[in-house]
C-alpha atoms as a PDB file:
ATOM      1  CA  UNK A   1      41.282 -29.489 -51.429  1.00  0.00           C
ATOM      2  CA  UNK A   2      37.865 -31.120 -51.189  1.00  0.00           C
ATOM      3  CA  UNK A   3      37.217 -34.793 -51.551  1.00  0.00           C
ATOM      4  CA  UNK A   4      34.196 -36.523 -53.004  1.00  0.00           C
ATOM      5  CA  UNK A   5      34.651 -39.410 -50.589  1.00  0.00           C
ATOM      6  CA  UNK A   6      36.119 -37.930 -47.408  1.00  0.00           C
ATOM      7  CA  UNK A   7      37.933 -40.238 -45.020  1.00  0.00           C
ATOM      8  CA  UNK A   8      36.531 -40.367 -41.517  1.00  0.00           C
ATOM      9  CA  UNK A   9      39.605 -41.151 -39.464  1.00  0.00           C
ATOM     10  CA  UNK A  10      37.879 -40.531 -36.136  1.00  0.00           C
ATOM     11  CA  UNK A  11      36.033 -43.848 -36.491  1.00  0.00           C
ATOM     12  CA  UNK A  12      38.068 -46.987 -36.009  1.00  0.00           C
ATOM     13  CA  UNK A  13      37.161 -49.874 -38.296  1.00  0.00           C
ATOM     14  CA  UNK A  14      36.176 -53.161 -36.662  1.00  0.00           C
ATOM     15  CA  UNK A  15      39.050 -55.578 -36.032  1.00  0.00           C
ATOM     16  CA  UNK A  16      38.397 -59.073 -37.331  1.00  0.00           C
ATOM     17  CA  UNK A  17      39.524 -61.765 -34.906  1.00  0.00           C
ATOM     18  CA  UNK A  18      37.760 -64.884 -36.221  1.00  0.00           C
ATOM     19  CA  UNK A  19      35.708 -66.324 -39.018  1.00  0.00           C
ATOM     20  CA  UNK A  20      32.794 -68.739 -38.954  1.00  0.00           C
ATOM     21  CA  UNK A  21      31.263 -69.953 -42.204  1.00  0.00           C
ATOM     22  CA  UNK A  22      30.316 -66.880 -44.223  1.00  0.00           C
ATOM     23  CA  UNK A  23      30.771 -64.518 -41.254  1.00  0.00           C
ATOM     24  CA  UNK A  24      33.665 -62.501 -39.855  1.00  0.00           C
ATOM     25  CA  UNK A  25      33.632 -61.858 -36.109  1.00  0.00           C
ATOM     26  CA  UNK A  26      35.119 -58.705 -34.594  1.00  0.00           C
ATOM     27  CA  UNK A  27      36.818 -58.199 -31.230  1.00  0.00           C
ATOM     28  CA  UNK A  28      33.464 -57.382 -29.568  1.00  0.00           C
ATOM     29  CA  UNK A  29      31.809 -60.574 -30.864  1.00  0.00           C
ATOM     30  CA  UNK A  30      29.717 -58.825 -33.519  1.00  0.00           C
ATOM     31  CA  UNK A  31      29.224 -60.930 -36.668  1.00  0.00           C
ATOM     32  CA  UNK A  32      29.484 -59.462 -40.176  1.00  0.00           C
ATOM     33  CA  UNK A  33      28.472 -61.176 -43.404  1.00  0.00           C
ATOM     34  CA  UNK A  34      31.716 -61.500 -45.404  1.00  0.00           C
ATOM     35  CA  UNK A  35      30.595 -59.985 -48.685  1.00  0.00           C
ATOM     36  CA  UNK A  36      34.162 -59.447 -49.900  1.00  0.00           C
ATOM     37  CA  UNK A  37      35.658 -62.902 -49.352  1.00  0.00           C
ATOM     38  CA  UNK A  38      37.499 -64.592 -52.185  1.00  0.00           C
ATOM     39  CA  UNK A  39      36.528 -67.736 -54.057  1.00  0.00           C
ATOM     40  CA  UNK A  40      37.736 -70.132 -51.350  1.00  0.00           C
ATOM     41  CA  UNK A  41      35.806 -68.341 -48.608  1.00  0.00           C
ATOM     42  CA  UNK A  42      32.681 -68.093 -50.752  1.00  0.00           C
ATOM     43  CA  UNK A  43      32.845 -71.812 -51.537  1.00  0.00           C
ATOM     44  CA  UNK A  44      34.125 -73.279 -48.251  1.00  0.00           C
ATOM     45  CA  UNK A  45      33.550 -70.628 -45.591  1.00  0.00           C
ATOM     46  CA  UNK A  46      35.858 -69.511 -42.809  1.00  0.00           C
ATOM     47  CA  UNK A  47      37.227 -72.070 -40.342  1.00  0.00           C
ATOM     48  CA  UNK A  48      35.825 -75.155 -42.062  1.00  0.00           C
ATOM     49  CA  UNK A  49      36.967 -78.004 -39.807  1.00  0.00           C
ATOM     50  CA  UNK A  50      37.399 -80.499 -42.675  1.00  0.00           C
ATOM     51  CA  UNK A  51      39.675 -78.109 -44.569  1.00  0.00           C
ATOM     52  CA  UNK A  52      41.613 -77.152 -41.430  1.00  0.00           C
ATOM     53  CA  UNK A  53      42.274 -80.797 -40.540  1.00  0.00           C
ATOM     54  CA  UNK A  54      43.355 -81.613 -44.121  1.00  0.00           C
ATOM     55  CA  UNK A  55      45.783 -78.671 -44.128  1.00  0.00           C
ATOM     56  CA  UNK A  56      47.224 -79.770 -40.770  1.00  0.00           C
ATOM     57  CA  UNK A  57      47.728 -83.342 -42.058  1.00  0.00           C
ATOM     58  CA  UNK A  58      49.466 -82.044 -45.175  1.00  0.00           C
ATOM     59  CA  UNK A  59      51.742 -79.731 -43.176  1.00  0.00           C
ATOM     60  CA  UNK A  60      52.695 -82.638 -40.912  1.00  0.00           C
ATOM     61  CA  UNK A  61      53.597 -84.671 -44.023  1.00  0.00           C
ATOM     62  CA  UNK A  62      55.332 -82.074 -46.180  1.00  0.00           C
ATOM     63  CA  UNK A  63      55.166 -78.328 -45.614  1.00  0.00           C
ATOM     64  CA  UNK A  64      57.091 -77.181 -48.692  1.00  0.00           C
ATOM     65  CA  UNK A  65      58.759 -78.595 -51.787  1.00  0.00           C
ATOM     66  CA  UNK A  66      60.536 -76.603 -54.474  1.00  0.00           C
END
Protein backbone atom coordinates (compact mmCIF):
# COMPACT_ATOMS: atom_id res chain seq x y z
CA UNK A 1 0.00 0.00 0.00
CA UNK A 2 1.34 3.45 -0.85
CA UNK A 3 0.68 6.55 1.15
CA UNK A 4 0.33 10.10 -0.06
CA UNK A 5 1.84 11.39 3.16
CA UNK A 6 4.35 8.76 4.30
CA UNK A 7 5.38 8.71 7.94
CA UNK A 8 9.08 9.12 8.57
CA UNK A 9 9.55 7.20 11.79
CA UNK A 10 13.34 7.34 11.64
CA UNK A 11 13.24 11.01 12.67
CA UNK A 12 12.33 11.74 16.26
CA UNK A 13 10.18 14.82 16.79
CA UNK A 14 11.51 17.51 19.11
CA UNK A 15 10.52 17.14 22.77
CA UNK A 16 9.05 20.29 24.27
CA UNK A 17 10.33 20.98 27.77
CA UNK A 18 9.36 24.62 28.33
CA UNK A 19 7.45 27.56 26.97
CA UNK A 20 8.30 31.24 26.89
CA UNK A 21 5.80 33.74 25.51
CA UNK A 22 4.87 32.59 22.01
CA UNK A 23 7.74 30.07 21.84
CA UNK A 24 8.15 26.41 22.76
CA UNK A 25 11.63 25.29 23.79
CA UNK A 26 12.90 21.77 23.12
CA UNK A 27 15.32 19.64 25.14
CA UNK A 28 18.31 21.06 23.21
CA UNK A 29 17.30 24.68 23.89
CA UNK A 30 16.05 25.36 20.36
CA UNK A 31 13.07 27.76 20.26
CA UNK A 32 10.05 27.18 18.01
CA UNK A 33 7.28 29.67 17.29
CA UNK A 34 4.11 28.05 18.68
CA UNK A 35 1.87 28.34 15.65
CA UNK A 36 -0.59 25.74 16.96
CA UNK A 37 -1.27 27.06 20.46
CA UNK A 38 -4.84 27.51 21.61
CA UNK A 39 -6.63 30.73 22.45
CA UNK A 40 -5.08 31.10 25.91
CA UNK A 41 -1.54 30.66 24.60
CA UNK A 42 -2.16 33.02 21.68
CA UNK A 43 -3.53 35.67 24.03
CA UNK A 44 -1.34 35.23 27.13
CA UNK A 45 1.72 33.27 26.01
CA UNK A 46 3.46 30.39 27.74
CA UNK A 47 4.71 30.81 31.32
CA UNK A 48 3.23 34.27 31.91
CA UNK A 49 4.33 35.08 35.47
CA UNK A 50 1.17 37.07 36.31
CA UNK A 51 -1.07 34.17 35.28
CA UNK A 52 1.12 31.60 37.04
CA UNK A 53 1.06 33.56 40.31
CA UNK A 54 -2.73 34.05 40.10
CA UNK A 55 -3.25 30.31 39.54
CA UNK A 56 -0.99 29.49 42.51
CA UNK A 57 -2.93 31.90 44.76
CA UNK A 58 -6.23 30.36 43.68
CA UNK A 59 -4.99 26.80 44.26
CA UNK A 60 -3.81 27.79 47.74
CA UNK A 61 -7.30 29.18 48.45
CA UNK A 62 -9.53 26.55 46.85
CA UNK A 63 -8.34 23.92 44.39
CA UNK A 64 -11.71 22.35 43.54
CA UNK A 65 -15.40 22.77 44.29
CA UNK A 66 -18.21 20.64 42.92
